[in-house]
Amino acid sequence: MPFKIREIDHVVIRCADLDNMVNFYRTVLACPVEKEQRDLGLVQMRAGRSLIDLLAIGAKIDRPESGQPGAGRNMDHLCVRVEPFDAGALRAHLEHHGARIGDEARRYGAEGFGPSLYFFDPEGNMIELKGPPDA
């Protein structure tokens, strides 16, 4: 193999309401805006060492064949590793911001099994908050 994958560089989420999604990711996940290309309908947000790209439906670089948000054609879910993982505090934070909360469970991720919590952004995309691996 001529290469080895080191990490996820970015994920692109298609969205119907770009400003609402930027506000959600900035407020709920504390992802700052890294680069805006509003003429392209694209806002890139920093998520640790990775980026979350928010792309407006109908933007110059949008690919309509991808489908509509919430129709199962955006992605299955985005997982971000968080520290610390305090399920109660995470739930309270998400509820405060009106996020719909999903299941909490012990799940497998890049570092092994550990706690995780699902929730949904305003357009129905599932996000997983992943805690540290089990000791």
C-alpha atoms as a PDB file:
ATOM      1  CA  MET A   1       0.000   0.000   0.000  1.00  0.00           C
ATOM      2  CA  PRO A   2       1.528   3.389  -0.962  1.00  0.00           C
ATOM      3  CA  PHE A   3      -0.101   5.279   1.905  1.00  0.00           C
ATOM      4  CA  LYS A   4      -1.481   4.956   5.435  1.00  0.00           C
ATOM      5  CA  ILE A   5      -4.546   6.825   6.700  1.00  0.00           C
ATOM      6  CA  ARG A   6      -3.601   9.005   9.651  1.00  0.00           C
ATOM      7  CA  GLU A   7      -6.938  10.605  10.604  1.00  0.00           C
ATOM      8  CA  ILE A   8     -10.133  12.065   9.192  1.00  0.00           C
ATOM      9  CA  ASP A   9      -9.331  15.403   7.575  1.00  0.00           C
ATOM     10  CA  HIS A  10     -12.880  16.703   7.156  1.00  0.00           C
ATOM     11  CA  VAL A  11     -16.491  15.738   6.698  1.00  0.00           C
ATOM     12  CA  VAL A  12     -18.940  17.627   4.468  1.00  0.00           C
ATOM     13  CA  ILE A  13     -22.543  18.087   5.564  1.00  0.00           C
ATOM     14  CA  ARG A  14     -25.079  19.400   3.054  1.00  0.00           C
ATOM     15  CA  CYS A  15     -27.579  21.760   4.645  1.00  0.00           C
ATOM     16  CA  ALA A  16     -30.757  23.647   3.816  1.00  0.00           C
ATOM     17  CA  ASP A  17     -30.144  26.509   6.290  1.00  0.00           C
ATOM     18  CA  LEU A  18     -26.424  27.294   6.328  1.00  0.00           C
ATOM     19  CA  ASP A  19     -26.585  30.083   8.938  1.00  0.00           C
ATOM     20  CA  ASN A  20     -28.602  27.954  11.375  1.00  0.00           C
ATOM     21  CA  MET A  21     -26.163  25.062  11.011  1.00  0.00           C
ATOM     22  CA  VAL A  22     -23.106  27.318  11.499  1.00  0.00           C
ATOM     23  CA  ASN A  23     -24.692  28.706  14.662  1.00  0.00           C
ATOM     24  CA  PHE A  24     -25.494  25.198  15.933  1.00  0.00           C
ATOM     25  CA  TYR A  25     -21.986  23.780  15.423  1.00  0.00           C
ATOM     26  CA  ARG A  26     -20.389  26.951  16.844  1.00  0.00           C
ATOM     27  CA  THR A  27     -22.675  27.069  19.901  1.00  0.00           C
ATOM     28  CA  VAL A  28     -23.252  23.406  20.729  1.00  0.00           C
ATOM     29  CA  LEU A  29     -19.875  21.892  19.786  1.00  0.00           C
ATOM     30  CA  ALA A  30     -17.754  25.069  20.131  1.00  0.00           C
ATOM     31  CA  CYS A  31     -16.412  24.698  16.593  1.00  0.00           C
ATOM     32  CA  PRO A  32     -15.060  28.068  15.454  1.00  0.00           C
ATOM     33  CA  VAL A  33     -15.425  29.177  11.856  1.00  0.00           C
ATOM     34  CA  GLU A  34     -12.083  28.565  10.155  1.00  0.00           C
ATOM     35  CA  LYS A  35     -12.847  29.699   6.620  1.00  0.00           C
ATOM     36  CA  GLU A  36     -15.906  31.140   4.908  1.00  0.00           C
ATOM     37  CA  GLN A  37     -16.480  30.996   1.180  1.00  0.00           C
ATOM     38  CA  ARG A  38     -20.022  32.326   1.085  1.00  0.00           C
ATOM     39  CA  ASP A  39     -19.808  32.845  -2.687  1.00  0.00           C
ATOM     40  CA  LEU A  40     -19.476  29.047  -2.933  1.00  0.00           C
ATOM     41  CA  GLY A  41     -22.024  28.368  -0.156  1.00  0.00           C
ATOM     42  CA  LEU A  42     -19.333  26.810   2.038  1.00  0.00           C
ATOM     43  CA  VAL A  43     -18.343  27.402   5.680  1.00  0.00           C
ATOM     44  CA  GLN A  44     -15.509  25.344   7.175  1.00  0.00           C
ATOM     45  CA  MET A  45     -15.448  24.896  10.934  1.00  0.00           C
ATOM     46  CA  ARG A  46     -12.569  23.664  13.079  1.00  0.00           C
ATOM     47  CA  ALA A  47     -13.254  20.486  15.082  1.00  0.00           C
ATOM     48  CA  GLY A  48     -10.010  19.730  16.899  1.00  0.00           C
ATOM     49  CA  ARG A  49      -7.508  18.602  14.252  1.00  0.00           C
ATOM     50  CA  SER A  50     -10.300  18.106  11.708  1.00  0.00           C
ATOM     51  CA  LEU A  51     -12.818  20.240   9.837  1.00  0.00           C
ATOM     52  CA  ILE A  52     -16.584  20.098   9.503  1.00  0.00           C
ATOM     53  CA  ASP A  53     -17.561  21.631   6.171  1.00  0.00           C
ATOM     54  CA  LEU A  54     -21.110  22.944   5.895  1.00  0.00           C
ATOM     55  CA  LEU A  55     -22.290  23.187   2.296  1.00  0.00           C
ATOM     56  CA  ALA A  56     -25.516  24.956   1.324  1.00  0.00           C
ATOM     57  CA  ILE A  57     -27.864  23.006  -0.940  1.00  0.00           C
ATOM     58  CA  GLY A  58     -27.778  24.556  -4.393  1.00  0.00           C
ATOM     59  CA  ALA A  59     -24.332  26.078  -3.842  1.00  0.00           C
ATOM     60  CA  LYS A  60     -21.906  26.286  -6.764  1.00  0.00           C
ATOM     61  CA  ILE A  61     -20.030  23.206  -5.582  1.00  0.00           C
ATOM     62  CA  ASP A  62     -23.077  21.216  -4.379  1.00  0.00           C
ATOM     63  CA  ARG A  63     -23.711  17.856  -6.023  1.00  0.00           C
ATOM     64  CA  PRO A  64     -27.512  17.451  -6.230  1.00  0.00           C
ATOM     65  CA  GLU A  65     -27.199  13.692  -6.758  1.00  0.00           C
ATOM     66  CA  SER A  66     -26.207  13.472  -3.080  1.00  0.00           C
ATOM     67  CA  GLY A  67     -29.867  13.831  -2.083  1.00  0.00           C
ATOM     68  CA  GLN A  68     -31.598  16.041   0.456  1.00  0.00           C
ATOM     69  CA  PRO A  69     -30.574  16.515   4.102  1.00  0.00           C
ATOM     70  CA  GLY A  70     -32.391  14.219   6.484  1.00  0.00           C
ATOM     71  CA  ALA A  71     -33.164  11.761   3.667  1.00  0.00           C
ATOM     72  CA  GLY A  72     -30.349   9.384   4.596  1.00  0.00           C
ATOM     73  CA  ARG A  73     -28.126  10.720   1.839  1.00  0.00           C
ATOM     74  CA  ASN A  74     -26.021  13.200   3.782  1.00  0.00           C
ATOM     75  CA  MET A  75     -24.135  10.679   5.902  1.00  0.00           C
ATOM     76  CA  ASP A  76     -24.957   8.222   8.659  1.00  0.00           C
ATOM     77  CA  HIS A  77     -23.305  10.155  11.473  1.00  0.00           C
ATOM     78  CA  LEU A  78     -20.335  12.271  12.469  1.00  0.00           C
ATOM     79  CA  CYS A  79     -18.334  11.131  15.487  1.00  0.00           C
ATOM     80  CA  VAL A  80     -16.161  13.502  17.487  1.00  0.00           C
ATOM     81  CA  ARG A  81     -13.932  12.475  20.385  1.00  0.00           C
ATOM     82  CA  VAL A  82     -14.521  14.650  23.449  1.00  0.00           C
ATOM     83  CA  GLU A  83     -12.809  15.148  26.799  1.00  0.00           C
ATOM     84  CA  PRO A  84     -13.993  14.929  29.443  1.00  0.00           C
ATOM     85  CA  PHE A  85     -16.915  12.619  28.861  1.00  0.00           C
ATOM     86  CA  ASP A  86     -19.461  13.412  31.558  1.00  0.00           C
ATOM     87  CA  ALA A  87     -22.754  12.043  30.238  1.00  0.00           C
ATOM     88  CA  GLY A  88     -24.891  14.128  32.597  1.00  0.00           C
ATOM     89  CA  ALA A  89     -23.107  17.365  31.753  1.00  0.00           C
ATOM     90  CA  LEU A  90     -23.220  16.567  28.029  1.00  0.00           C
ATOM     91  CA  ARG A  91     -26.951  15.848  28.174  1.00  0.00           C
ATOM     92  CA  ALA A  92     -27.617  19.062  30.115  1.00  0.00           C
ATOM     93  CA  HIS A  93     -25.607  21.088  27.582  1.00  0.00           C
ATOM     94  CA  LEU A  94     -27.415  19.532  24.616  1.00  0.00           C
ATOM     95  CA  GLU A  95     -30.848  19.951  26.211  1.00  0.00           C
ATOM     96  CA  HIS A  96     -30.045  23.586  26.995  1.00  0.00           C
ATOM     97  CA  HIS A  97     -29.476  24.143  23.275  1.00  0.00           C
ATOM     98  CA  GLY A  98     -32.611  22.254  22.262  1.00  0.00           C
ATOM     99  CA  ALA A  99     -30.781  19.368  20.622  1.00  0.00           C
ATOM    100  CA  ARG A 100     -32.673  16.091  20.239  1.00  0.00           C
ATOM    101  CA  ILE A 101     -30.759  13.448  22.190  1.00  0.00           C
ATOM    102  CA  GLY A 102     -30.379   9.856  21.090  1.00  0.00           C
ATOM    103  CA  ASP A 103     -28.948   6.738  22.701  1.00  0.00           C
ATOM    104  CA  GLU A 104     -26.076   6.602  25.156  1.00  0.00           C
ATOM    105  CA  ALA A 105     -24.035   3.390  25.063  1.00  0.00           C
ATOM    106  CA  ARG A 106     -20.592   1.823  25.172  1.00  0.00           C
ATOM    107  CA  ARG A 107     -19.438   1.722  21.538  1.00  0.00           C
ATOM    108  CA  TYR A 108     -16.331   0.903  19.565  1.00  0.00           C
ATOM    109  CA  GLY A 109     -14.316   3.716  17.967  1.00  0.00           C
ATOM    110  CA  ALA A 110     -10.819   4.554  16.767  1.00  0.00           C
ATOM    111  CA  GLU A 111      -9.349   4.083  20.252  1.00  0.00           C
ATOM    112  CA  GLY A 112     -11.410   1.039  21.268  1.00  0.00           C
ATOM    113  CA  PHE A 113     -14.566   0.638  23.331  1.00  0.00           C
ATOM    114  CA  GLY A 114     -15.780   3.541  25.409  1.00  0.00           C
ATOM    115  CA  PRO A 115     -18.796   5.684  26.241  1.00  0.00           C
ATOM    116  CA  SER A 116     -20.698   7.546  23.556  1.00  0.00           C
ATOM    117  CA  LEU A 117     -23.805   9.672  23.204  1.00  0.00           C
ATOM    118  CA  TYR A 118     -25.802  10.337  20.050  1.00  0.00           C
ATOM    119  CA  PHE A 119     -27.686  13.562  19.312  1.00  0.00           C
ATOM    120  CA  PHE A 120     -29.031  15.349  16.245  1.00  0.00           C
ATOM    121  CA  ASP A 121     -28.311  18.714  14.632  1.00  0.00           C
ATOM    122  CA  PRO A 122     -31.154  20.987  13.433  1.00  0.00           C
ATOM    123  CA  GLU A 123     -31.364  19.207  10.066  1.00  0.00           C
ATOM    124  CA  GLY A 124     -31.507  15.680  11.490  1.00  0.00           C
ATOM    125  CA  ASN A 125     -27.865  14.647  11.054  1.00  0.00           C
ATOM    126  CA  MET A 126     -26.740  12.316  13.822  1.00  0.00           C
ATOM    127  CA  ILE A 127     -23.629  13.262  15.801  1.00  0.00           C
ATOM    128  CA  GLU A 128     -21.806  10.965  18.211  1.00  0.00           C
ATOM    129  CA  LEU A 129     -19.842  12.340  21.131  1.00  0.00           C
ATOM    130  CA  LYS A 130     -17.214   9.687  21.909  1.00  0.00           C
ATOM    131  CA  GLY A 131     -15.420   9.466  25.233  1.00  0.00           C
ATOM    132  CA  PRO A 132     -12.053   7.925  26.126  1.00  0.00           C
ATOM    133  CA  PRO A 133     -11.464   4.206  25.722  1.00  0.00           C
ATOM    134  CA  ASP A 134     -12.226   1.892  28.616  1.00  0.00           C
ATOM    135  CA  ALA A 135      -9.317   1.448  31.012  1.00  0.00           C
END
